[in-house]
Each structure stands twice: as C-alpha cells, then as structure tokens.
Amino acid sequence: MEFLEGTTGYEAALTDLFATTFEDAEGPEEGQVIGGLVSDLVSDTPKVDIRVFRAEQDGAIIAAAIFTSLSFPQDPNRVVLLSPMAVATVHQRKGIGQALLRHALRALREGGADVAITYGDPEYYKRVGFQPITEAQAAAPLPLSMPQGWLGQSLTGTDMPKLVGASRCVEALHRKDVW
C-alpha cells in the first residue's frame, strides 16, 4: 500500500469510492449525496483550496481523505477541513484510514496548516488527535445537525486555538444536507 496525493486522472475513481462506501454504510441515498459532493469537490474547487490524499493498493484506491480550506477571515491561522473521508468497505478496520490520516496531517502540517477540523464520529477521529470543540472555539460555516461531531486539532504542537470570527467553507461544501 502507498499513500499518494492529488486528483488528476482519479476523479471518477474517487467519486466511486465515496459513493460505494457511503452506500454500503448508510444506504443508496447517502451514497448518492456523498458521491455527488465528492464529484463537485474534485471538479469545482480551486486547486489552492483542496488537497486529496489517497491510499492505493495494487493500483486501486482503497481510501481517501479530502481536505479543503476553511477560512476564518478575521483569524491569522491557516485552517483545513477534513470532509469527507472514506475507506473501502472491504478494507475497513485494518488501520488504513488512521494511517492515511496521520500521513495527511503530517503533510498538511509541513505545508503550513495550523489547525485541522472535521465533522464526524468523535470516537474514530480521536484516534488521530481530533478532540471535540465548540462553536465558540471555531464557528461552523453552517448550522451543525450533530454538534458533538465538531472536532479539531492544532497542527502546531500547541493547544487548539480559539479561532476568531465566522468561517467560510469551499462552495461545494456550502450545503445544509452535509452539515
């Protein structure tokens, strides 16, 4: 298995990975929603605002994590948002997702990101350093349907900072159905 970065030439495979994985876990409707979201993210998000990390085995993508800019115009910290992430169903519970996230977070840290935020299962993401945060610490770009899933971590070796002001996500994520 190897960790790679980028989307060029992998747009359809990435969309399929996410659609299939979310369909397996949560049903056809969720698979369609997340597959469409990923298609929009990889095709419409400016390259400066997106980094896609993938795990490949025998030439096939078996996991992927998408990070996009989460801007806080009044705050100097460079913030990235992990959303979404998927590990192919047959490869889950083998540590692949955690290894991919550790690789991605290290690359983001080395690339100058100060904070990583995600919106998901606290029990899963705490394994790679994410901790529950409040909207007082970091405002979400849209109302959260599951506030306990708002998670963050500092990438600078210091405590999670309080991020100042409102946040703005990339256009593809600016949809109430994913928050």
N, C-alpha and C. Protein backbone atom coordinates (compact mmCIF):
# COMPACT_ATOMS: atom_id res chain seq x y z
N MET A 1 0.84 -1.17 0.00
CA MET A 1 0.00 0.00 0.00
C MET A 1 0.89 1.24 0.00
N GLU A 2 0.44 2.25 -0.74
CA GLU A 2 1.19 3.50 -0.75
C GLU A 2 0.23 4.68 -0.61
N PHE A 3 0.75 5.78 -0.05
CA PHE A 3 -0.02 6.99 0.12
C PHE A 3 0.40 7.97 -0.96
N LEU A 4 -0.59 8.53 -1.64
CA LEU A 4 -0.36 9.46 -2.74
C LEU A 4 -1.26 10.67 -2.54
N GLU A 5 -0.98 11.71 -3.31
CA GLU A 5 -1.78 12.92 -3.23
C GLU A 5 -2.17 13.38 -4.62
N GLY A 6 -3.38 13.94 -4.74
CA GLY A 6 -3.83 14.53 -5.98
C GLY A 6 -5.09 13.88 -6.52
N THR A 7 -5.70 14.57 -7.48
CA THR A 7 -6.94 14.08 -8.07
C THR A 7 -6.86 13.86 -9.57
N THR A 8 -5.90 14.48 -10.24
CA THR A 8 -5.85 14.43 -11.69
C THR A 8 -5.82 12.99 -12.20
N GLY A 9 -6.83 12.68 -13.00
CA GLY A 9 -6.96 11.34 -13.55
C GLY A 9 -7.66 10.36 -12.63
N TYR A 10 -7.98 10.80 -11.41
CA TYR A 10 -8.60 9.92 -10.42
C TYR A 10 -9.99 10.39 -10.01
N GLU A 11 -10.52 11.39 -10.68
CA GLU A 11 -11.80 11.97 -10.28
C GLU A 11 -12.91 10.92 -10.20
N ALA A 12 -13.06 10.12 -11.24
CA ALA A 12 -14.13 9.11 -11.27
C ALA A 12 -13.91 8.04 -10.22
N ALA A 13 -12.68 7.59 -10.05
CA ALA A 13 -12.38 6.55 -9.06
C ALA A 13 -12.64 7.06 -7.64
N LEU A 14 -12.31 8.32 -7.38
CA LEU A 14 -12.57 8.89 -6.06
C LEU A 14 -14.07 9.00 -5.80
N THR A 15 -14.80 9.50 -6.78
CA THR A 15 -16.25 9.62 -6.64
C THR A 15 -16.87 8.25 -6.38
N ASP A 16 -16.42 7.25 -7.11
CA ASP A 16 -16.95 5.89 -6.94
C ASP A 16 -16.63 5.33 -5.56
N LEU A 17 -15.40 5.53 -5.09
CA LEU A 17 -15.02 5.06 -3.75
C LEU A 17 -15.96 5.62 -2.69
N PHE A 18 -16.18 6.92 -2.72
CA PHE A 18 -17.03 7.55 -1.71
C PHE A 18 -18.49 7.13 -1.86
N ALA A 19 -19.00 7.11 -3.08
CA ALA A 19 -20.40 6.72 -3.29
C ALA A 19 -20.65 5.30 -2.81
N THR A 20 -19.77 4.38 -3.18
CA THR A 20 -19.93 2.98 -2.81
C THR A 20 -19.79 2.77 -1.30
N THR A 21 -18.78 3.39 -0.71
CA THR A 21 -18.54 3.23 0.72
C THR A 21 -19.71 3.77 1.55
N PHE A 22 -20.19 4.96 1.20
CA PHE A 22 -21.30 5.54 1.96
C PHE A 22 -22.61 4.80 1.68
N GLU A 23 -22.78 4.28 0.47
CA GLU A 23 -23.97 3.46 0.19
C GLU A 23 -23.94 2.20 1.04
N ASP A 24 -22.79 1.55 1.11
CA ASP A 24 -22.67 0.33 1.93
C ASP A 24 -22.99 0.61 3.39
N ALA A 25 -22.55 1.75 3.89
CA ALA A 25 -22.70 2.06 5.32
C ALA A 25 -24.06 2.66 5.66
N GLU A 26 -24.58 3.51 4.77
CA GLU A 26 -25.76 4.29 5.15
C GLU A 26 -26.90 4.26 4.15
N GLY A 27 -26.75 3.50 3.07
CA GLY A 27 -27.83 3.35 2.11
C GLY A 27 -27.61 4.12 0.81
N PRO A 28 -28.41 3.78 -0.21
CA PRO A 28 -28.22 4.35 -1.55
C PRO A 28 -28.33 5.87 -1.61
N GLU A 29 -29.26 6.44 -0.84
CA GLU A 29 -29.43 7.89 -0.89
C GLU A 29 -28.18 8.61 -0.39
N GLU A 30 -27.62 8.14 0.72
CA GLU A 30 -26.40 8.76 1.26
C GLU A 30 -25.23 8.56 0.31
N GLY A 31 -25.15 7.40 -0.31
CA GLY A 31 -24.11 7.16 -1.30
C GLY A 31 -24.18 8.14 -2.45
N GLN A 32 -25.39 8.41 -2.90
CA GLN A 32 -25.59 9.36 -3.99
C GLN A 32 -25.22 10.78 -3.57
N VAL A 33 -25.63 11.17 -2.36
CA VAL A 33 -25.31 12.51 -1.86
C VAL A 33 -23.80 12.70 -1.74
N ILE A 34 -23.13 11.76 -1.10
CA ILE A 34 -21.69 11.91 -0.87
C ILE A 34 -20.91 11.75 -2.18
N GLY A 35 -21.34 10.85 -3.04
CA GLY A 35 -20.70 10.73 -4.35
C GLY A 35 -20.79 12.03 -5.14
N GLY A 36 -21.97 12.66 -5.11
CA GLY A 36 -22.14 13.95 -5.79
C GLY A 36 -21.29 15.04 -5.17
N LEU A 37 -21.22 15.04 -3.85
CA LEU A 37 -20.38 16.01 -3.14
C LEU A 37 -18.92 15.87 -3.56
N VAL A 38 -18.42 14.66 -3.58
CA VAL A 38 -17.02 14.43 -3.96
C VAL A 38 -16.78 14.84 -5.40
N SER A 39 -17.70 14.50 -6.28
CA SER A 39 -17.56 14.92 -7.68
C SER A 39 -17.45 16.44 -7.78
N ASP A 40 -18.32 17.15 -7.05
CA ASP A 40 -18.26 18.62 -7.05
C ASP A 40 -16.96 19.13 -6.44
N LEU A 41 -16.53 18.53 -5.34
CA LEU A 41 -15.29 18.97 -4.70
C LEU A 41 -14.10 18.84 -5.64
N VAL A 42 -13.93 17.68 -6.26
CA VAL A 42 -12.73 17.46 -7.07
C VAL A 42 -12.79 18.17 -8.41
N SER A 43 -13.99 18.50 -8.89
CA SER A 43 -14.05 19.17 -10.20
C SER A 43 -14.17 20.68 -10.09
N ASP A 44 -14.76 21.19 -9.00
CA ASP A 44 -15.06 22.62 -8.93
C ASP A 44 -14.23 23.42 -7.94
N THR A 45 -13.54 22.78 -7.02
CA THR A 45 -12.79 23.51 -6.01
C THR A 45 -11.44 23.95 -6.58
N PRO A 46 -11.11 25.23 -6.44
CA PRO A 46 -9.79 25.68 -6.91
C PRO A 46 -8.67 24.85 -6.27
N LYS A 47 -7.67 24.52 -7.05
CA LYS A 47 -6.58 23.65 -6.59
C LYS A 47 -5.89 24.17 -5.33
N VAL A 48 -5.85 25.49 -5.15
CA VAL A 48 -5.21 26.05 -3.94
C VAL A 48 -6.03 25.78 -2.68
N ASP A 49 -7.29 25.38 -2.85
CA ASP A 49 -8.18 25.17 -1.71
C ASP A 49 -8.48 23.71 -1.41
N ILE A 50 -7.81 22.77 -2.09
CA ILE A 50 -8.11 21.36 -1.87
C ILE A 50 -6.85 20.51 -1.92
N ARG A 51 -6.79 19.55 -1.00
CA ARG A 51 -5.73 18.53 -1.04
C ARG A 51 -6.41 17.19 -0.80
N VAL A 52 -6.16 16.26 -1.71
CA VAL A 52 -6.77 14.93 -1.62
C VAL A 52 -5.66 13.91 -1.43
N PHE A 53 -5.77 13.17 -0.35
CA PHE A 53 -4.80 12.12 -0.04
C PHE A 53 -5.49 10.78 -0.25
N ARG A 54 -4.77 9.86 -0.87
CA ARG A 54 -5.37 8.56 -1.14
C ARG A 54 -4.40 7.44 -0.80
N ALA A 55 -4.98 6.30 -0.42
CA ALA A 55 -4.22 5.08 -0.19
C ALA A 55 -4.52 4.17 -1.37
N GLU A 56 -3.47 3.64 -1.99
CA GLU A 56 -3.65 2.74 -3.12
C GLU A 56 -2.99 1.41 -2.82
N GLN A 57 -3.64 0.38 -3.32
CA GLN A 57 -3.10 -0.97 -3.21
C GLN A 57 -3.32 -1.65 -4.56
N ASP A 58 -2.25 -2.16 -5.14
CA ASP A 58 -2.33 -2.82 -6.45
C ASP A 58 -3.01 -1.93 -7.49
N GLY A 59 -2.72 -0.62 -7.43
CA GLY A 59 -3.25 0.33 -8.41
C GLY A 59 -4.67 0.79 -8.17
N ALA A 60 -5.31 0.31 -7.12
CA ALA A 60 -6.69 0.70 -6.82
C ALA A 60 -6.73 1.61 -5.59
N ILE A 61 -7.59 2.62 -5.63
CA ILE A 61 -7.77 3.50 -4.48
C ILE A 61 -8.62 2.75 -3.46
N ILE A 62 -8.07 2.58 -2.25
CA ILE A 62 -8.81 1.87 -1.21
C ILE A 62 -9.23 2.80 -0.06
N ALA A 63 -8.71 4.02 -0.06
CA ALA A 63 -9.11 5.01 0.95
C ALA A 63 -8.74 6.39 0.43
N ALA A 64 -9.48 7.38 0.90
CA ALA A 64 -9.17 8.76 0.51
C ALA A 64 -9.68 9.72 1.58
N ALA A 65 -8.95 10.81 1.72
CA ALA A 65 -9.31 11.87 2.65
C ALA A 65 -9.21 13.20 1.91
N ILE A 66 -10.27 13.97 1.95
CA ILE A 66 -10.32 15.25 1.25
C ILE A 66 -10.26 16.38 2.28
N PHE A 67 -9.27 17.24 2.11
CA PHE A 67 -9.11 18.42 2.96
C PHE A 67 -9.30 19.66 2.09
N THR A 68 -10.10 20.61 2.57
CA THR A 68 -10.30 21.86 1.86
C THR A 68 -10.06 23.02 2.82
N SER A 69 -9.90 24.18 2.25
CA SER A 69 -9.71 25.38 3.07
C SER A 69 -10.98 25.69 3.85
N LEU A 70 -10.81 26.05 5.10
CA LEU A 70 -11.90 26.58 5.92
C LEU A 70 -11.39 27.93 6.39
N SER A 71 -11.88 28.98 5.75
CA SER A 71 -11.31 30.30 6.04
C SER A 71 -12.03 30.99 7.18
N PHE A 72 -11.24 31.63 8.00
CA PHE A 72 -11.69 32.49 9.09
C PHE A 72 -11.06 33.85 8.77
N PRO A 73 -11.77 34.70 8.00
CA PRO A 73 -11.16 35.95 7.53
C PRO A 73 -10.58 36.85 8.61
N GLN A 74 -11.09 36.74 9.84
CA GLN A 74 -10.60 37.59 10.93
C GLN A 74 -9.49 36.93 11.74
N ASP A 75 -9.07 35.74 11.35
CA ASP A 75 -8.10 34.98 12.13
C ASP A 75 -6.87 34.66 11.28
N PRO A 76 -5.67 34.78 11.85
CA PRO A 76 -4.46 34.52 11.07
C PRO A 76 -4.14 33.03 10.86
N ASN A 77 -4.79 32.13 11.60
CA ASN A 77 -4.49 30.71 11.47
C ASN A 77 -4.95 30.16 10.13
N ARG A 78 -4.12 29.28 9.57
CA ARG A 78 -4.49 28.58 8.33
C ARG A 78 -5.19 27.29 8.73
N VAL A 79 -6.48 27.17 8.36
CA VAL A 79 -7.33 26.07 8.81
C VAL A 79 -7.75 25.22 7.62
N VAL A 80 -7.71 23.90 7.82
CA VAL A 80 -8.19 22.96 6.80
C VAL A 80 -9.33 22.14 7.39
N LEU A 81 -10.25 21.74 6.53
CA LEU A 81 -11.41 20.95 6.92
C LEU A 81 -11.33 19.59 6.25
N LEU A 82 -11.33 18.54 7.05
CA LEU A 82 -11.39 17.17 6.54
C LEU A 82 -12.84 16.81 6.32
N SER A 83 -13.23 16.66 5.08
CA SER A 83 -14.60 16.26 4.77
C SER A 83 -14.74 16.09 3.27
N PRO A 84 -15.11 14.91 2.84
CA PRO A 84 -15.30 13.68 3.60
C PRO A 84 -14.05 12.80 3.56
N MET A 85 -14.20 11.65 4.19
CA MET A 85 -13.16 10.61 4.19
C MET A 85 -13.84 9.27 4.01
N ALA A 86 -13.18 8.35 3.31
CA ALA A 86 -13.75 7.01 3.12
C ALA A 86 -12.65 5.97 3.02
N VAL A 87 -12.96 4.80 3.55
CA VAL A 87 -12.13 3.61 3.38
C VAL A 87 -13.05 2.56 2.77
N ALA A 88 -12.64 1.96 1.66
CA ALA A 88 -13.46 0.94 1.01
C ALA A 88 -13.91 -0.09 2.04
N THR A 89 -15.15 -0.50 1.95
CA THR A 89 -15.75 -1.37 2.96
C THR A 89 -14.90 -2.60 3.27
N VAL A 90 -14.37 -3.25 2.25
CA VAL A 90 -13.59 -4.49 2.48
C VAL A 90 -12.25 -4.21 3.15
N HIS A 91 -11.84 -2.95 3.21
CA HIS A 91 -10.55 -2.60 3.82
C HIS A 91 -10.70 -1.90 5.16
N GLN A 92 -11.91 -1.79 5.67
CA GLN A 92 -12.13 -1.12 6.95
C GLN A 92 -11.67 -1.99 8.12
N ARG A 93 -11.41 -1.31 9.23
CA ARG A 93 -10.98 -1.94 10.48
C ARG A 93 -9.61 -2.63 10.38
N LYS A 94 -8.78 -2.08 9.51
CA LYS A 94 -7.42 -2.59 9.36
C LYS A 94 -6.37 -1.51 9.66
N GLY A 95 -6.82 -0.33 10.07
CA GLY A 95 -5.91 0.76 10.38
C GLY A 95 -5.51 1.60 9.18
N ILE A 96 -6.07 1.32 8.02
CA ILE A 96 -5.70 2.05 6.80
C ILE A 96 -6.12 3.52 6.89
N GLY A 97 -7.34 3.77 7.35
CA GLY A 97 -7.81 5.14 7.46
C GLY A 97 -6.98 5.96 8.43
N GLN A 98 -6.65 5.38 9.57
CA GLN A 98 -5.83 6.09 10.55
C GLN A 98 -4.44 6.38 9.98
N ALA A 99 -3.86 5.41 9.31
CA ALA A 99 -2.53 5.61 8.73
C ALA A 99 -2.57 6.70 7.66
N LEU A 100 -3.62 6.69 6.84
CA LEU A 100 -3.76 7.71 5.80
C LEU A 100 -3.91 9.09 6.45
N LEU A 101 -4.72 9.19 7.48
CA LEU A 101 -4.91 10.48 8.14
C LEU A 101 -3.63 10.97 8.81
N ARG A 102 -2.88 10.10 9.43
CA ARG A 102 -1.60 10.51 10.03
C ARG A 102 -0.66 11.06 8.95
N HIS A 103 -0.61 10.37 7.82
CA HIS A 103 0.21 10.83 6.70
C HIS A 103 -0.27 12.20 6.22
N ALA A 104 -1.58 12.34 6.02
CA ALA A 104 -2.14 13.59 5.52
C ALA A 104 -1.92 14.74 6.49
N LEU A 105 -2.16 14.51 7.77
CA LEU A 105 -1.98 15.58 8.76
C LEU A 105 -0.53 16.02 8.85
N ARG A 106 0.39 15.07 8.72
CA ARG A 106 1.82 15.42 8.71
C ARG A 106 2.14 16.29 7.48
N ALA A 107 1.62 15.91 6.32
CA ALA A 107 1.86 16.69 5.09
C ALA A 107 1.23 18.08 5.19
N LEU A 108 0.06 18.17 5.77
CA LEU A 108 -0.60 19.47 5.94
C LEU A 108 0.19 20.35 6.90
N ARG A 109 0.66 19.77 8.00
CA ARG A 109 1.49 20.49 8.97
C ARG A 109 2.75 21.02 8.27
N GLU A 110 3.41 20.15 7.52
CA GLU A 110 4.63 20.55 6.81
C GLU A 110 4.33 21.61 5.75
N GLY A 111 3.10 21.63 5.25
CA GLY A 111 2.70 22.61 4.25
C GLY A 111 2.21 23.93 4.84
N GLY A 112 2.24 24.05 6.17
CA GLY A 112 1.92 25.32 6.80
C GLY A 112 0.53 25.43 7.41
N ALA A 113 -0.25 24.37 7.42
CA ALA A 113 -1.57 24.44 8.06
C ALA A 113 -1.38 24.50 9.58
N ASP A 114 -2.21 25.29 10.24
CA ASP A 114 -2.13 25.47 11.69
C ASP A 114 -3.15 24.62 12.44
N VAL A 115 -4.32 24.43 11.84
CA VAL A 115 -5.43 23.76 12.50
C VAL A 115 -6.14 22.86 11.50
N ALA A 116 -6.55 21.68 11.96
CA ALA A 116 -7.40 20.79 11.16
C ALA A 116 -8.71 20.61 11.92
N ILE A 117 -9.81 20.69 11.18
CA ILE A 117 -11.15 20.50 11.75
C ILE A 117 -11.85 19.43 10.92
N THR A 118 -12.71 18.68 11.57
CA THR A 118 -13.55 17.72 10.86
C THR A 118 -14.91 17.67 11.53
N TYR A 119 -15.83 16.99 10.88
CA TYR A 119 -17.20 16.86 11.37
C TYR A 119 -17.58 15.40 11.19
N GLY A 120 -17.49 14.64 12.27
CA GLY A 120 -17.74 13.21 12.14
C GLY A 120 -17.78 12.50 13.48
N ASP A 121 -17.46 11.23 13.46
CA ASP A 121 -17.54 10.36 14.63
C ASP A 121 -16.39 10.66 15.60
N PRO A 122 -16.69 11.22 16.78
CA PRO A 122 -15.63 11.56 17.73
C PRO A 122 -14.78 10.35 18.13
N GLU A 123 -15.39 9.19 18.27
CA GLU A 123 -14.64 8.00 18.68
C GLU A 123 -13.60 7.60 17.64
N TYR A 124 -13.93 7.74 16.37
CA TYR A 124 -12.98 7.40 15.31
C TYR A 124 -11.87 8.44 15.22
N TYR A 125 -12.26 9.70 15.11
CA TYR A 125 -11.26 10.74 14.83
C TYR A 125 -10.35 11.06 16.01
N LYS A 126 -10.76 10.70 17.24
CA LYS A 126 -9.86 10.94 18.37
C LYS A 126 -8.61 10.08 18.26
N ARG A 127 -8.68 8.99 17.51
CA ARG A 127 -7.52 8.11 17.34
C ARG A 127 -6.37 8.78 16.59
N VAL A 128 -6.69 9.85 15.87
CA VAL A 128 -5.64 10.58 15.14
C VAL A 128 -5.52 12.02 15.64
N GLY A 129 -5.94 12.24 16.89
CA GLY A 129 -5.67 13.53 17.53
C GLY A 129 -6.78 14.55 17.54
N PHE A 130 -7.91 14.29 16.88
CA PHE A 130 -9.01 15.25 16.92
C PHE A 130 -9.72 15.16 18.27
N GLN A 131 -10.15 16.32 18.76
CA GLN A 131 -10.88 16.40 20.02
C GLN A 131 -12.15 17.23 19.80
N PRO A 132 -13.18 16.98 20.59
CA PRO A 132 -14.39 17.80 20.47
C PRO A 132 -14.08 19.27 20.70
N ILE A 133 -14.69 20.11 19.88
CA ILE A 133 -14.57 21.56 20.04
C ILE A 133 -15.98 22.14 20.02
N THR A 134 -16.09 23.36 20.48
CA THR A 134 -17.38 24.05 20.45
C THR A 134 -17.36 25.09 19.34
N GLU A 135 -18.54 25.59 19.02
CA GLU A 135 -18.59 26.65 18.02
C GLU A 135 -18.03 27.96 18.57
N ALA A 136 -17.88 28.05 19.89
CA ALA A 136 -17.20 29.21 20.47
C ALA A 136 -15.71 29.16 20.16
N GLN A 137 -15.17 27.95 20.01
CA GLN A 137 -13.75 27.79 19.65
C GLN A 137 -13.52 27.96 18.16
N ALA A 138 -14.47 27.48 17.36
CA ALA A 138 -14.35 27.55 15.90
C ALA A 138 -15.76 27.51 15.32
N ALA A 139 -16.19 28.62 14.78
CA ALA A 139 -17.54 28.70 14.22
C ALA A 139 -17.66 27.80 12.99
N ALA A 140 -18.74 27.03 12.94
CA ALA A 140 -19.01 26.21 11.75
C ALA A 140 -19.58 27.11 10.66
N PRO A 141 -19.34 26.77 9.39
CA PRO A 141 -19.84 27.61 8.30
C PRO A 141 -21.36 27.55 8.12
N LEU A 142 -21.97 26.46 8.57
CA LEU A 142 -23.42 26.29 8.51
C LEU A 142 -23.86 25.63 9.83
N PRO A 143 -25.15 25.69 10.16
CA PRO A 143 -25.60 25.05 11.40
C PRO A 143 -25.28 23.56 11.42
N LEU A 144 -24.82 23.09 12.57
CA LEU A 144 -24.45 21.69 12.74
C LEU A 144 -25.66 20.88 13.19
N SER A 145 -25.95 19.79 12.48
CA SER A 145 -27.05 18.91 12.90
C SER A 145 -26.60 17.98 14.02
N MET A 146 -25.29 17.81 14.17
CA MET A 146 -24.72 16.90 15.17
C MET A 146 -23.52 17.61 15.84
N PRO A 147 -23.77 18.59 16.71
CA PRO A 147 -22.68 19.39 17.28
C PRO A 147 -21.58 18.58 17.96
N GLN A 148 -21.91 17.40 18.49
CA GLN A 148 -20.89 16.57 19.14
C GLN A 148 -19.85 16.05 18.15
N GLY A 149 -20.13 16.16 16.86
CA GLY A 149 -19.19 15.71 15.84
C GLY A 149 -18.25 16.80 15.34
N TRP A 150 -18.31 18.00 15.92
CA TRP A 150 -17.44 19.11 15.53
C TRP A 150 -16.12 18.92 16.28
N LEU A 151 -15.06 18.64 15.54
CA LEU A 151 -13.79 18.21 16.12
C LEU A 151 -12.64 19.01 15.54
N GLY A 152 -11.60 19.21 16.33
CA GLY A 152 -10.45 19.95 15.83
C GLY A 152 -9.17 19.52 16.49
N GLN A 153 -8.07 19.96 15.88
CA GLN A 153 -6.76 19.76 16.49
C GLN A 153 -5.79 20.79 15.95
N SER A 154 -4.89 21.20 16.82
CA SER A 154 -3.81 22.08 16.41
C SER A 154 -2.76 21.24 15.68
N LEU A 155 -2.20 21.79 14.64
CA LEU A 155 -1.12 21.11 13.91
C LEU A 155 0.24 21.74 14.22
N THR A 156 0.25 22.66 15.20
CA THR A 156 1.49 23.38 15.50
C THR A 156 2.17 22.91 16.78
N GLY A 157 1.61 21.91 17.44
CA GLY A 157 2.19 21.43 18.69
C GLY A 157 1.73 22.21 19.90
N THR A 158 0.82 23.15 19.72
CA THR A 158 0.26 23.92 20.82
C THR A 158 -1.20 23.50 21.02
N ASP A 159 -1.85 24.07 22.02
CA ASP A 159 -3.27 23.78 22.24
C ASP A 159 -4.10 24.30 21.07
N MET A 160 -5.26 23.71 20.90
CA MET A 160 -6.20 24.16 19.88
C MET A 160 -6.55 25.62 20.15
N PRO A 161 -6.29 26.52 19.19
CA PRO A 161 -6.59 27.93 19.42
C PRO A 161 -8.09 28.22 19.29
N LYS A 162 -8.52 29.33 19.86
CA LYS A 162 -9.87 29.83 19.61
C LYS A 162 -9.77 30.62 18.31
N LEU A 163 -10.53 30.21 17.31
CA LEU A 163 -10.49 30.86 16.01
C LEU A 163 -11.48 32.03 16.00
N VAL A 164 -11.02 33.17 15.55
CA VAL A 164 -11.79 34.41 15.64
C VAL A 164 -12.73 34.56 14.44
N GLY A 165 -13.98 34.89 14.74
CA GLY A 165 -14.94 35.25 13.70
C GLY A 165 -15.64 34.09 13.03
N ALA A 166 -16.37 34.45 12.00
CA ALA A 166 -17.14 33.48 11.21
C ALA A 166 -16.21 32.70 10.28
N SER A 167 -16.67 31.52 9.88
CA SER A 167 -15.88 30.71 8.94
C SER A 167 -16.61 30.59 7.61
N ARG A 168 -15.83 30.25 6.60
CA ARG A 168 -16.38 30.06 5.25
C ARG A 168 -15.73 28.82 4.65
N CYS A 169 -16.57 27.88 4.22
CA CYS A 169 -16.05 26.67 3.58
C CYS A 169 -16.05 26.85 2.07
N VAL A 170 -15.45 25.90 1.36
CA VAL A 170 -15.47 25.95 -0.10
C VAL A 170 -16.90 25.76 -0.58
N GLU A 171 -17.18 26.23 -1.77
CA GLU A 171 -18.54 26.25 -2.31
C GLU A 171 -19.21 24.88 -2.32
N ALA A 172 -18.49 23.84 -2.71
CA ALA A 172 -19.10 22.50 -2.81
C ALA A 172 -19.61 22.01 -1.46
N LEU A 173 -19.01 22.46 -0.36
CA LEU A 173 -19.44 22.04 0.98
C LEU A 173 -20.48 22.97 1.59
N HIS A 174 -20.79 24.05 0.89
CA HIS A 174 -21.75 25.01 1.42
C HIS A 174 -23.18 24.52 1.11
N ARG A 175 -23.54 23.40 1.74
CA ARG A 175 -24.85 22.76 1.54
C ARG A 175 -25.33 22.22 2.88
N LYS A 176 -26.54 22.55 3.22
CA LYS A 176 -27.09 22.15 4.52
C LYS A 176 -27.17 20.64 4.69
N ASP A 177 -27.31 19.89 3.60
CA ASP A 177 -27.50 18.43 3.73
C ASP A 177 -26.25 17.69 4.18
N VAL A 178 -25.10 18.33 4.20
CA VAL A 178 -23.90 17.65 4.69
C VAL A 178 -23.47 18.16 6.06
N TRP A 179 -24.20 19.09 6.61
CA TRP A 179 -23.88 19.64 7.93
C TRP A 179 -24.91 19.20 8.93
